[in-house]
Amino acid sequence: VVRGRRAGDRMRPAGAQGSQKIQDLMVNRKVPRHDRGRVPVITTEQGQIAWVVGLAVGEDFAVQSHTAAVVLLQVTRSGGKA
């Protein structure tokens, strides 16, 4: 599922010790306030956040040495600019 962020969204970024609010992730990564609502959030059908595009992959979705298969997603900005 591709959606925007929602109030209270949390994830555990790959390599992080614990979970983090998406809002805090965006602030820490210095995403301008006016852009935060435009950052796509990729989730499972159950709502688990797998990827905040351009910022973080969820720990449960990061490629590991034992990973057998991956899904490659490509993001293109509106207007065809990468």
N, C-alpha and C. Protein backbone atom coordinates (compact mmCIF):
# COMPACT_ATOMS: atom_id res chain seq x y z
N VAL A 1 0.85 -1.17 0.00
CA VAL A 1 0.00 0.00 0.00
C VAL A 1 0.90 1.24 0.00
N VAL A 2 0.58 2.20 -0.83
CA VAL A 2 1.30 3.47 -0.86
C VAL A 2 0.36 4.53 -0.31
N ARG A 3 0.84 5.27 0.67
CA ARG A 3 0.01 6.32 1.29
C ARG A 3 0.92 7.40 1.84
N GLY A 4 0.33 8.45 2.34
CA GLY A 4 1.06 9.49 3.03
C GLY A 4 1.19 9.13 4.50
N ARG A 5 1.95 9.90 5.23
CA ARG A 5 2.10 9.63 6.66
C ARG A 5 0.81 9.96 7.38
N ARG A 6 0.64 9.33 8.51
CA ARG A 6 -0.53 9.56 9.35
C ARG A 6 -0.06 9.90 10.75
N ALA A 7 -0.87 10.65 11.46
CA ALA A 7 -0.54 11.01 12.84
C ALA A 7 -0.29 9.73 13.64
N GLY A 8 0.81 9.71 14.37
CA GLY A 8 1.13 8.56 15.21
C GLY A 8 1.86 7.43 14.52
N ASP A 9 2.11 7.52 13.20
CA ASP A 9 2.85 6.47 12.50
C ASP A 9 4.19 6.24 13.18
N ARG A 10 4.54 4.97 13.35
CA ARG A 10 5.83 4.58 13.93
C ARG A 10 6.42 3.45 13.10
N MET A 11 7.75 3.38 13.12
CA MET A 11 8.45 2.27 12.49
C MET A 11 9.77 2.06 13.21
N ARG A 12 10.37 0.91 12.98
CA ARG A 12 11.73 0.65 13.47
C ARG A 12 12.64 0.67 12.26
N PRO A 13 13.37 1.77 12.06
CA PRO A 13 14.29 1.83 10.92
C PRO A 13 15.37 0.76 11.02
N ALA A 14 15.79 0.23 9.89
CA ALA A 14 16.83 -0.79 9.86
C ALA A 14 18.06 -0.30 10.60
N GLY A 15 18.56 -1.11 11.51
CA GLY A 15 19.75 -0.79 12.28
C GLY A 15 19.51 0.04 13.52
N ALA A 16 18.29 0.51 13.71
CA ALA A 16 17.98 1.33 14.89
C ALA A 16 17.70 0.45 16.09
N GLN A 17 17.88 1.00 17.27
CA GLN A 17 17.65 0.26 18.51
C GLN A 17 16.17 0.08 18.82
N GLY A 18 15.35 1.04 18.43
CA GLY A 18 13.93 0.96 18.75
C GLY A 18 13.09 1.63 17.68
N SER A 19 11.81 1.75 17.96
CA SER A 19 10.91 2.37 16.99
C SER A 19 11.02 3.89 17.09
N GLN A 20 10.52 4.53 16.05
CA GLN A 20 10.60 5.98 15.96
C GLN A 20 9.34 6.49 15.26
N LYS A 21 8.84 7.63 15.70
CA LYS A 21 7.72 8.24 15.00
C LYS A 21 8.21 8.73 13.64
N ILE A 22 7.37 8.57 12.63
CA ILE A 22 7.72 9.05 11.29
C ILE A 22 7.95 10.56 11.33
N GLN A 23 7.15 11.27 12.09
CA GLN A 23 7.31 12.71 12.25
C GLN A 23 8.72 13.04 12.74
N ASP A 24 9.20 12.31 13.76
CA ASP A 24 10.53 12.55 14.30
C ASP A 24 11.61 12.20 13.28
N LEU A 25 11.40 11.12 12.54
CA LEU A 25 12.34 10.71 11.50
C LEU A 25 12.50 11.84 10.48
N MET A 26 11.38 12.41 10.07
CA MET A 26 11.43 13.49 9.08
C MET A 26 12.10 14.74 9.64
N VAL A 27 11.83 15.07 10.88
CA VAL A 27 12.48 16.23 11.50
C VAL A 27 13.98 15.98 11.61
N ASN A 28 14.38 14.80 12.08
CA ASN A 28 15.80 14.47 12.23
C ASN A 28 16.54 14.46 10.90
N ARG A 29 15.85 14.08 9.84
CA ARG A 29 16.46 14.05 8.50
C ARG A 29 16.31 15.38 7.77
N LYS A 30 15.75 16.36 8.48
CA LYS A 30 15.63 17.73 7.97
C LYS A 30 14.75 17.82 6.71
N VAL A 31 13.68 17.03 6.66
CA VAL A 31 12.71 17.15 5.58
C VAL A 31 11.91 18.43 5.85
N PRO A 32 11.88 19.35 4.89
CA PRO A 32 11.14 20.59 5.11
C PRO A 32 9.67 20.31 5.46
N ARG A 33 9.14 21.09 6.35
CA ARG A 33 7.76 20.91 6.82
C ARG A 33 6.77 20.81 5.66
N HIS A 34 6.94 21.66 4.64
CA HIS A 34 6.00 21.66 3.52
C HIS A 34 6.11 20.42 2.64
N ASP A 35 7.18 19.63 2.77
CA ASP A 35 7.35 18.41 1.98
C ASP A 35 6.93 17.15 2.73
N ARG A 36 6.76 17.22 4.02
CA ARG A 36 6.52 16.01 4.83
C ARG A 36 5.26 15.26 4.43
N GLY A 37 4.23 15.96 4.04
CA GLY A 37 2.99 15.30 3.62
C GLY A 37 3.07 14.66 2.26
N ARG A 38 4.15 14.94 1.52
CA ARG A 38 4.31 14.39 0.17
C ARG A 38 5.23 13.18 0.12
N VAL A 39 5.84 12.82 1.23
CA VAL A 39 6.75 11.67 1.24
C VAL A 39 5.91 10.39 1.29
N PRO A 40 6.04 9.52 0.28
CA PRO A 40 5.26 8.28 0.28
C PRO A 40 5.70 7.33 1.39
N VAL A 41 4.73 6.65 1.95
CA VAL A 41 4.96 5.63 2.97
C VAL A 41 4.45 4.32 2.39
N ILE A 42 5.31 3.30 2.35
CA ILE A 42 4.94 1.99 1.81
C ILE A 42 4.66 1.07 2.99
N THR A 43 3.48 0.45 3.00
CA THR A 43 3.09 -0.43 4.10
C THR A 43 2.62 -1.78 3.58
N THR A 44 2.58 -2.73 4.49
CA THR A 44 1.93 -4.01 4.18
C THR A 44 0.42 -3.80 4.24
N GLU A 45 -0.33 -4.79 3.80
CA GLU A 45 -1.79 -4.70 3.89
C GLU A 45 -2.24 -4.60 5.34
N GLN A 46 -1.42 -5.09 6.25
CA GLN A 46 -1.74 -5.04 7.68
C GLN A 46 -1.35 -3.70 8.31
N GLY A 47 -0.70 -2.83 7.54
CA GLY A 47 -0.36 -1.51 8.03
C GLY A 47 1.05 -1.35 8.56
N GLN A 48 1.87 -2.42 8.53
CA GLN A 48 3.24 -2.30 9.00
C GLN A 48 4.05 -1.49 7.99
N ILE A 49 4.76 -0.49 8.47
CA ILE A 49 5.53 0.38 7.58
C ILE A 49 6.81 -0.33 7.15
N ALA A 50 6.95 -0.48 5.83
CA ALA A 50 8.13 -1.13 5.26
C ALA A 50 9.18 -0.12 4.82
N TRP A 51 8.72 1.04 4.34
CA TRP A 51 9.65 2.01 3.77
C TRP A 51 9.04 3.39 3.82
N VAL A 52 9.80 4.34 4.29
CA VAL A 52 9.46 5.75 4.13
C VAL A 52 10.41 6.22 3.03
N VAL A 53 9.85 6.44 1.86
CA VAL A 53 10.64 6.65 0.65
C VAL A 53 11.69 7.75 0.85
N GLY A 54 12.93 7.39 0.55
CA GLY A 54 14.04 8.32 0.64
C GLY A 54 14.60 8.51 2.03
N LEU A 55 13.96 7.89 3.05
CA LEU A 55 14.40 8.13 4.42
C LEU A 55 14.82 6.87 5.16
N ALA A 56 13.99 5.84 5.15
CA ALA A 56 14.31 4.66 5.96
C ALA A 56 13.53 3.43 5.50
N VAL A 57 14.18 2.28 5.62
CA VAL A 57 13.56 0.97 5.41
C VAL A 57 13.32 0.38 6.79
N GLY A 58 12.18 -0.27 6.95
CA GLY A 58 11.89 -0.92 8.22
C GLY A 58 12.82 -2.10 8.48
N GLU A 59 13.15 -2.31 9.74
CA GLU A 59 14.05 -3.40 10.14
C GLU A 59 13.60 -4.75 9.59
N ASP A 60 12.32 -5.03 9.63
CA ASP A 60 11.81 -6.33 9.16
C ASP A 60 11.86 -6.48 7.65
N PHE A 61 12.17 -5.40 6.93
CA PHE A 61 12.15 -5.42 5.47
C PHE A 61 13.53 -5.17 4.85
N ALA A 62 14.53 -4.98 5.67
CA ALA A 62 15.89 -4.73 5.18
C ALA A 62 16.50 -6.02 4.64
N VAL A 63 17.33 -5.89 3.62
CA VAL A 63 18.02 -7.04 3.04
C VAL A 63 19.05 -7.54 4.05
N GLN A 64 19.03 -8.84 4.31
CA GLN A 64 19.96 -9.48 5.24
C GLN A 64 20.77 -10.54 4.48
N SER A 65 21.76 -11.11 5.11
CA SER A 65 22.57 -12.14 4.45
C SER A 65 21.75 -13.37 4.08
N HIS A 66 20.67 -13.62 4.79
CA HIS A 66 19.83 -14.79 4.52
C HIS A 66 18.63 -14.48 3.62
N THR A 67 18.55 -13.25 3.10
CA THR A 67 17.44 -12.86 2.24
C THR A 67 17.50 -13.66 0.94
N ALA A 68 16.38 -14.28 0.57
CA ALA A 68 16.32 -15.11 -0.63
C ALA A 68 15.76 -14.36 -1.84
N ALA A 69 14.91 -13.37 -1.61
CA ALA A 69 14.30 -12.63 -2.71
C ALA A 69 14.06 -11.19 -2.26
N VAL A 70 14.06 -10.30 -3.22
CA VAL A 70 13.80 -8.89 -2.92
C VAL A 70 12.77 -8.34 -3.90
N VAL A 71 12.15 -7.26 -3.51
CA VAL A 71 11.26 -6.52 -4.39
C VAL A 71 11.93 -5.18 -4.65
N LEU A 72 12.05 -4.82 -5.90
CA LEU A 72 12.67 -3.55 -6.27
C LEU A 72 11.57 -2.56 -6.63
N LEU A 73 11.51 -1.47 -5.90
CA LEU A 73 10.54 -0.41 -6.17
C LEU A 73 11.29 0.81 -6.67
N GLN A 74 10.75 1.44 -7.70
CA GLN A 74 11.36 2.64 -8.25
C GLN A 74 10.37 3.78 -8.08
N VAL A 75 10.84 4.90 -7.59
CA VAL A 75 9.99 6.06 -7.37
C VAL A 75 10.37 7.12 -8.39
N THR A 76 9.36 7.65 -9.06
CA THR A 76 9.55 8.73 -10.01
C THR A 76 8.65 9.88 -9.61
N ARG A 77 9.20 11.06 -9.53
CA ARG A 77 8.40 12.24 -9.18
C ARG A 77 7.41 12.56 -10.30
N SER A 78 6.32 13.18 -9.96
CA SER A 78 5.35 13.63 -10.96
C SER A 78 6.06 14.51 -11.97
N GLY A 79 5.71 14.35 -13.22
CA GLY A 79 6.37 15.11 -14.27
C GLY A 79 7.55 14.38 -14.86
N GLY A 80 7.83 13.15 -14.37
CA GLY A 80 8.88 12.32 -14.92
C GLY A 80 10.27 12.61 -14.42
N LYS A 81 10.42 13.51 -13.46
CA LYS A 81 11.74 13.81 -12.92
C LYS A 81 12.07 12.83 -11.81
N ALA A 82 13.27 12.25 -11.85
CA ALA A 82 13.67 11.28 -10.82
C ALA A 82 14.20 11.96 -9.60
